[in-house]
Amino acid sequence: MKPATTALLSVNAIEVAYEGVIVALRGVTLQVTSGAIVALLGANGAGKSTTLKAISRLLAAERGEVVRGSIAFEGGDVAGLPPHRLVERGVAQVLEGRRCFPHLSFEENLLLGGFVRHRSGQQIGRALDRVYARFPRIATLRRRQAGFASGGEQQMIAIGRALMSEPRLVLLDEPSMGLAPIIVSEIFDAVRKLNRDDGVSFLLAEQNAAMALRVADFGYVLESGRVALQGSAEELLARDDVKSFYLGESADGRNRFIDPHRVRHFVPAPASIHA
């Protein structure tokens, strides 16, 4: 069932356009309640990253903007906030591709995330200790340059850097991309523990629907810039169309290969703002 408690994040019928012409999102509405993990699913190009960047106010760097709808965090409209002010309010994004600074050490990358909220050195030190407790692998390599880190280590650094600002909500974009299955499991296990033990809420954009729905409470499926399906993680995992399209299973539960040209799209969407 759909979460019924007051929303920590509320995205209301937003439309996003790039350069005032190309529409990437049409009428996207979603919620994240406090203490929840919400999965944002969809194929490549469905609008997942655009949705997260609309929330975190990073669209302007790509000549995009929210042209309709509203976004509220803790009940307050965030439309006029610059990205760093939103981080101060408690929202942090981990971008797709990890985006570590290769010439800085693991620890220097982490520390960059701690300066946004203008806290004391003692407070930053405690935040750093908490990150290392969650990711002991990077604690042992704290002096190594991030450019020599594996993909999994870079993902841990990126998530840890976001956690240094002590966010209430983390926007996590494609954390499994390019990682070995054992590392993906480790990353998602850390997400589950951060949610369960520290109360951090997550909006998790993922193509790996099976993994995302195993840790999520609720999910939305994007198709061509629109919300095509929504429901609890259990409901989405039980749907035959979700199993077929995202998990590669037929109705009888057997794995199969998917021909993308024969898959039924959930919802068609116009490609232009003038359509």
Protein backbone atom coordinates (compact mmCIF):
# COMPACT_ATOMS: atom_id res chain seq x y z
CA MET A 1 0.00 0.00 0.00
CA LYS A 2 1.09 3.61 -0.52
CA PRO A 3 2.79 5.25 2.46
CA ALA A 4 0.20 7.25 4.39
CA THR A 5 2.39 9.26 6.79
CA THR A 6 3.49 12.84 6.23
CA ALA A 7 5.95 13.10 3.36
CA LEU A 8 9.55 14.11 3.98
CA LEU A 9 9.82 14.78 0.23
CA SER A 10 6.87 15.56 -2.00
CA VAL A 11 7.23 15.89 -5.77
CA ASN A 12 3.99 17.16 -7.29
CA ALA A 13 3.27 16.84 -11.03
CA ILE A 14 6.61 18.21 -12.17
CA GLU A 15 7.50 18.75 -15.79
CA VAL A 16 11.16 19.19 -16.72
CA ALA A 17 12.38 20.67 -19.98
CA TYR A 18 15.89 21.01 -21.36
CA GLU A 19 16.65 24.24 -23.22
CA GLY A 20 12.93 25.03 -23.06
CA VAL A 21 12.14 22.51 -25.78
CA ILE A 22 12.86 18.87 -24.91
CA VAL A 23 10.58 17.47 -22.22
CA ALA A 24 12.26 14.86 -20.03
CA LEU A 25 9.55 14.51 -17.36
CA ARG A 26 5.77 14.90 -17.63
CA GLY A 27 3.64 15.10 -14.52
CA VAL A 28 5.90 13.11 -12.22
CA THR A 29 4.47 12.81 -8.72
CA LEU A 30 6.12 10.86 -5.90
CA GLN A 31 6.67 10.90 -2.16
CA VAL A 32 9.31 9.77 0.28
CA THR A 33 8.20 9.44 3.89
CA SER A 34 10.58 9.89 6.79
CA GLY A 35 12.57 6.72 7.44
CA ALA A 36 11.64 5.08 4.12
CA ILE A 37 13.60 3.70 1.19
CA VAL A 38 11.82 4.47 -2.06
CA ALA A 39 12.97 2.90 -5.32
CA LEU A 40 12.75 4.84 -8.59
CA LEU A 41 12.90 2.24 -11.33
CA GLY A 42 13.09 2.40 -15.08
CA ALA A 43 15.21 1.65 -18.10
CA ASN A 44 18.05 3.86 -19.25
CA GLY A 45 16.60 7.19 -20.40
CA ALA A 46 13.33 6.82 -18.48
CA GLY A 47 13.96 10.00 -16.47
CA LYS A 48 15.38 8.69 -13.20
CA SER A 49 18.48 10.90 -13.07
CA THR A 50 16.51 13.92 -14.25
CA THR A 51 14.03 13.40 -11.40
CA LEU A 52 16.82 13.32 -8.83
CA LYS A 53 18.53 16.39 -10.30
CA ALA A 54 15.22 18.25 -10.30
CA ILE A 55 14.92 17.55 -6.58
CA SER A 56 18.54 18.48 -5.79
CA ARG A 57 18.40 21.65 -7.91
CA LEU A 58 21.20 20.53 -10.24
CA LEU A 59 19.30 20.81 -13.53
CA ALA A 60 20.57 24.29 -14.35
CA ALA A 61 24.08 22.93 -14.96
CA GLU A 62 22.60 20.93 -17.86
CA ARG A 63 20.31 23.70 -19.17
CA GLY A 64 17.28 22.07 -17.65
CA GLU A 65 14.53 23.46 -15.46
CA VAL A 66 11.31 22.51 -13.73
CA VAL A 67 8.70 24.31 -15.82
CA ARG A 68 5.59 23.01 -14.02
CA GLY A 69 4.73 21.46 -10.67
CA SER A 70 6.37 21.79 -7.27
CA ILE A 71 8.90 20.09 -5.01
CA ALA A 72 8.68 20.31 -1.23
CA PHE A 73 11.03 19.07 1.47
CA GLU A 74 9.68 18.90 5.02
CA GLY A 75 6.66 20.84 3.80
CA GLY A 76 8.63 23.77 2.40
CA ASP A 77 8.93 24.61 -1.29
CA VAL A 78 12.53 24.26 -2.46
CA ALA A 79 12.09 25.88 -5.89
CA GLY A 80 14.17 28.93 -5.03
CA LEU A 81 16.95 27.21 -3.12
CA PRO A 82 20.45 26.86 -4.59
CA PRO A 83 21.87 23.33 -4.30
CA HIS A 84 24.15 24.04 -1.33
CA ARG A 85 21.26 25.47 0.68
CA LEU A 86 19.28 22.32 0.04
CA VAL A 87 22.22 20.28 1.37
CA GLU A 88 22.15 22.45 4.49
CA ARG A 89 18.45 21.60 4.82
CA GLY A 90 19.28 17.89 4.85
CA VAL A 91 19.20 16.61 1.24
CA ALA A 92 22.32 15.11 -0.34
CA GLN A 93 22.74 13.52 -3.76
CA VAL A 94 25.15 10.81 -4.87
CA LEU A 95 25.46 11.34 -8.59
CA GLU A 96 25.56 8.58 -11.17
CA GLY A 97 29.16 7.64 -11.95
CA ARG A 98 30.40 8.40 -8.41
CA ARG A 99 32.34 11.61 -9.35
CA CYS A 100 35.27 11.26 -6.95
CA PHE A 101 38.20 13.68 -7.12
CA PRO A 102 40.98 11.37 -8.37
CA HIS A 103 43.96 13.38 -7.11
CA LEU A 104 42.62 13.64 -3.56
CA SER A 105 42.84 10.86 -1.00
CA PHE A 106 39.86 8.82 0.11
CA GLU A 107 39.67 10.87 3.29
CA GLU A 108 40.04 14.23 1.54
CA ASN A 109 37.12 13.30 -0.72
CA LEU A 110 35.04 12.50 2.34
CA LEU A 111 35.99 15.69 4.16
CA LEU A 112 34.70 17.80 1.26
CA GLY A 113 31.20 16.64 2.15
CA GLY A 114 31.56 17.84 5.73
CA PHE A 115 32.26 21.51 5.11
CA VAL A 116 28.92 22.49 3.59
CA ARG A 117 27.15 22.87 6.91
CA HIS A 118 29.94 24.94 8.53
CA ARG A 119 30.45 22.65 11.49
CA SER A 120 33.36 22.47 13.91
CA GLY A 121 36.37 20.22 13.36
CA GLN A 122 35.16 18.01 16.20
CA GLN A 123 31.75 17.55 14.59
CA ILE A 124 33.35 16.73 11.23
CA GLY A 125 35.63 14.24 12.94
CA ARG A 126 32.67 12.44 14.50
CA ALA A 127 30.90 12.34 11.14
CA LEU A 128 34.04 10.88 9.55
CA ASP A 129 34.21 8.18 12.22
CA ARG A 130 30.61 7.23 11.49
CA VAL A 131 31.34 6.91 7.77
CA TYR A 132 34.34 4.69 8.44
CA ALA A 133 32.23 2.55 10.76
CA ARG A 134 29.78 2.00 7.89
CA PHE A 135 32.49 1.44 5.27
CA PRO A 136 35.49 -0.17 6.99
CA ARG A 137 36.99 -1.04 3.60
CA ILE A 138 37.73 2.62 2.84
CA ALA A 139 38.85 3.31 6.41
CA THR A 140 41.90 1.10 5.88
CA LEU A 141 42.73 2.95 2.64
CA ARG A 142 42.02 6.50 3.78
CA ARG A 143 45.39 7.87 2.59
CA ARG A 144 45.22 6.32 -0.88
CA GLN A 145 44.43 8.51 -3.87
CA ALA A 146 40.85 8.06 -5.04
CA GLY A 147 42.06 7.71 -8.63
CA PHE A 148 43.48 4.31 -7.68
CA ALA A 149 40.25 3.12 -6.03
CA SER A 150 38.13 0.34 -7.45
CA GLY A 151 34.63 1.10 -8.65
CA GLY A 152 33.17 -0.27 -5.43
CA GLU A 153 35.52 1.79 -3.28
CA GLN A 154 34.66 4.92 -5.25
CA GLN A 155 30.96 4.26 -4.71
CA MET A 156 31.59 3.93 -0.97
CA ILE A 157 33.53 7.20 -1.02
CA ALA A 158 30.70 8.94 -2.90
CA ILE A 159 28.05 7.70 -0.47
CA GLY A 160 30.30 8.49 2.50
CA ARG A 161 30.88 12.02 1.20
CA ALA A 162 27.11 12.56 1.08
CA LEU A 163 26.76 11.19 4.61
CA MET A 164 29.33 13.69 5.91
CA SER A 165 26.65 16.39 5.66
CA GLU A 166 24.43 14.27 7.96
CA PRO A 167 21.46 14.30 5.57
CA ARG A 168 17.93 13.27 6.36
CA LEU A 169 17.41 12.25 2.73
CA VAL A 170 19.93 10.79 0.27
CA LEU A 171 19.23 10.80 -3.46
CA LEU A 172 21.21 7.81 -4.69
CA ASP A 173 21.62 7.49 -8.46
CA GLU A 174 22.44 4.07 -9.97
CA PRO A 175 24.68 2.78 -7.16
CA SER A 176 25.08 -0.66 -8.81
CA MET A 177 26.31 0.64 -12.17
CA GLY A 178 29.46 -1.12 -13.34
CA LEU A 179 30.02 -3.02 -10.08
CA ALA A 180 30.50 -6.72 -9.43
CA PRO A 181 27.49 -8.47 -7.83
CA ILE A 182 29.30 -9.04 -4.52
CA ILE A 183 30.10 -5.31 -4.27
CA VAL A 184 26.53 -4.39 -5.22
CA SER A 185 25.28 -6.54 -2.35
CA GLU A 186 27.70 -4.80 0.01
CA ILE A 187 26.52 -1.35 -1.11
CA PHE A 188 22.84 -2.21 -0.74
CA ASP A 189 23.48 -3.80 2.64
CA ALA A 190 25.05 -0.51 3.76
CA VAL A 191 21.99 1.38 2.49
CA ARG A 192 19.70 -0.91 4.47
CA LYS A 193 21.76 -0.45 7.65
CA LEU A 194 21.95 3.34 7.25
CA ASN A 195 18.17 3.40 6.93
CA ARG A 196 17.48 0.98 9.76
CA ASP A 197 20.09 2.13 12.29
CA ASP A 198 20.55 5.82 11.49
CA GLY A 199 17.10 6.69 10.13
CA VAL A 200 18.41 8.02 6.81
CA SER A 201 15.73 8.09 4.11
CA PHE A 202 16.64 7.19 0.53
CA LEU A 203 15.26 7.87 -2.93
CA LEU A 204 17.09 5.22 -4.90
CA ALA A 205 17.22 5.38 -8.71
CA GLU A 206 18.13 1.97 -10.12
CA GLN A 207 17.91 -0.21 -13.22
CA ASN A 208 18.59 -3.26 -11.03
CA ALA A 209 14.97 -3.57 -9.93
CA ALA A 210 15.40 -6.89 -8.16
CA MET A 211 18.08 -5.54 -5.83
CA ALA A 212 16.39 -2.18 -5.29
CA LEU A 213 13.01 -3.69 -4.42
CA ARG A 214 14.60 -6.07 -1.91
CA VAL A 215 15.65 -3.11 0.25
CA ALA A 216 12.88 -0.62 -0.62
CA ASP A 217 9.55 -0.02 1.11
CA PHE A 218 7.84 1.52 -1.91
CA GLY A 219 8.58 1.94 -5.59
CA TYR A 220 7.78 3.98 -8.67
CA VAL A 221 8.39 2.84 -12.23
CA LEU A 222 9.22 5.54 -14.75
CA GLU A 223 8.58 5.02 -18.45
CA SER A 224 9.35 7.77 -20.99
CA GLY A 225 9.34 10.47 -18.34
CA ARG A 226 6.10 9.49 -16.60
CA VAL A 227 5.19 7.40 -13.59
CA ALA A 228 3.79 4.25 -15.14
CA LEU A 229 3.45 2.10 -12.02
CA GLN A 230 3.67 2.57 -8.28
CA GLY A 231 3.15 0.41 -5.23
CA SER A 232 4.82 -1.28 -2.31
CA ALA A 233 8.00 -3.21 -3.05
CA GLU A 234 6.11 -6.46 -2.48
CA GLU A 235 3.35 -5.46 -4.91
CA LEU A 236 5.80 -4.49 -7.64
CA LEU A 237 7.85 -7.66 -7.22
CA ALA A 238 4.66 -9.71 -7.55
CA ARG A 239 3.55 -8.10 -10.83
CA ASP A 240 4.10 -10.19 -13.94
CA ASP A 241 4.85 -7.15 -16.12
CA VAL A 242 7.56 -5.95 -13.73
CA LYS A 243 9.03 -9.45 -13.56
CA SER A 244 9.02 -9.73 -17.33
CA PHE A 245 10.42 -6.31 -18.18
CA TYR A 246 12.85 -5.72 -15.32
CA LEU A 247 13.66 -9.10 -13.82
CA GLY A 248 13.73 -11.19 -16.98
CA GLU A 249 11.22 -13.76 -15.74
CA SER A 250 8.27 -15.27 -17.56
CA ALA A 251 4.89 -15.73 -15.86
CA ASP A 252 5.91 -19.20 -14.65
CA GLY A 253 8.95 -17.76 -12.88
CA ARG A 254 11.58 -19.01 -15.31
CA ASN A 255 14.34 -16.66 -16.40
CA ARG A 256 14.30 -15.71 -20.05
CA PHE A 257 15.97 -13.30 -22.44
CA ILE A 258 14.02 -10.17 -23.30
CA ASP A 259 13.69 -8.82 -26.80
CA PRO A 260 13.29 -5.05 -26.13
CA HIS A 261 11.44 -4.60 -29.42
CA ARG A 262 8.66 -6.92 -28.27
CA VAL A 263 8.18 -5.52 -24.77
CA ARG A 264 4.97 -3.60 -24.11
CA HIS A 265 5.80 -0.09 -22.96
CA PHE A 266 3.81 1.01 -19.95
CA VAL A 267 2.97 4.59 -21.01
CA PRO A 268 3.85 6.50 -24.18
CA ALA A 269 4.91 10.13 -23.76
CA PRO A 270 5.36 13.04 -26.19
CA ALA A 271 8.93 14.12 -26.76
CA SER A 272 8.51 17.88 -27.03
CA ILE A 273 7.13 20.59 -24.81
CA HIS A 274 5.10 21.80 -27.77
CA ALA A 275 3.52 18.39 -28.44
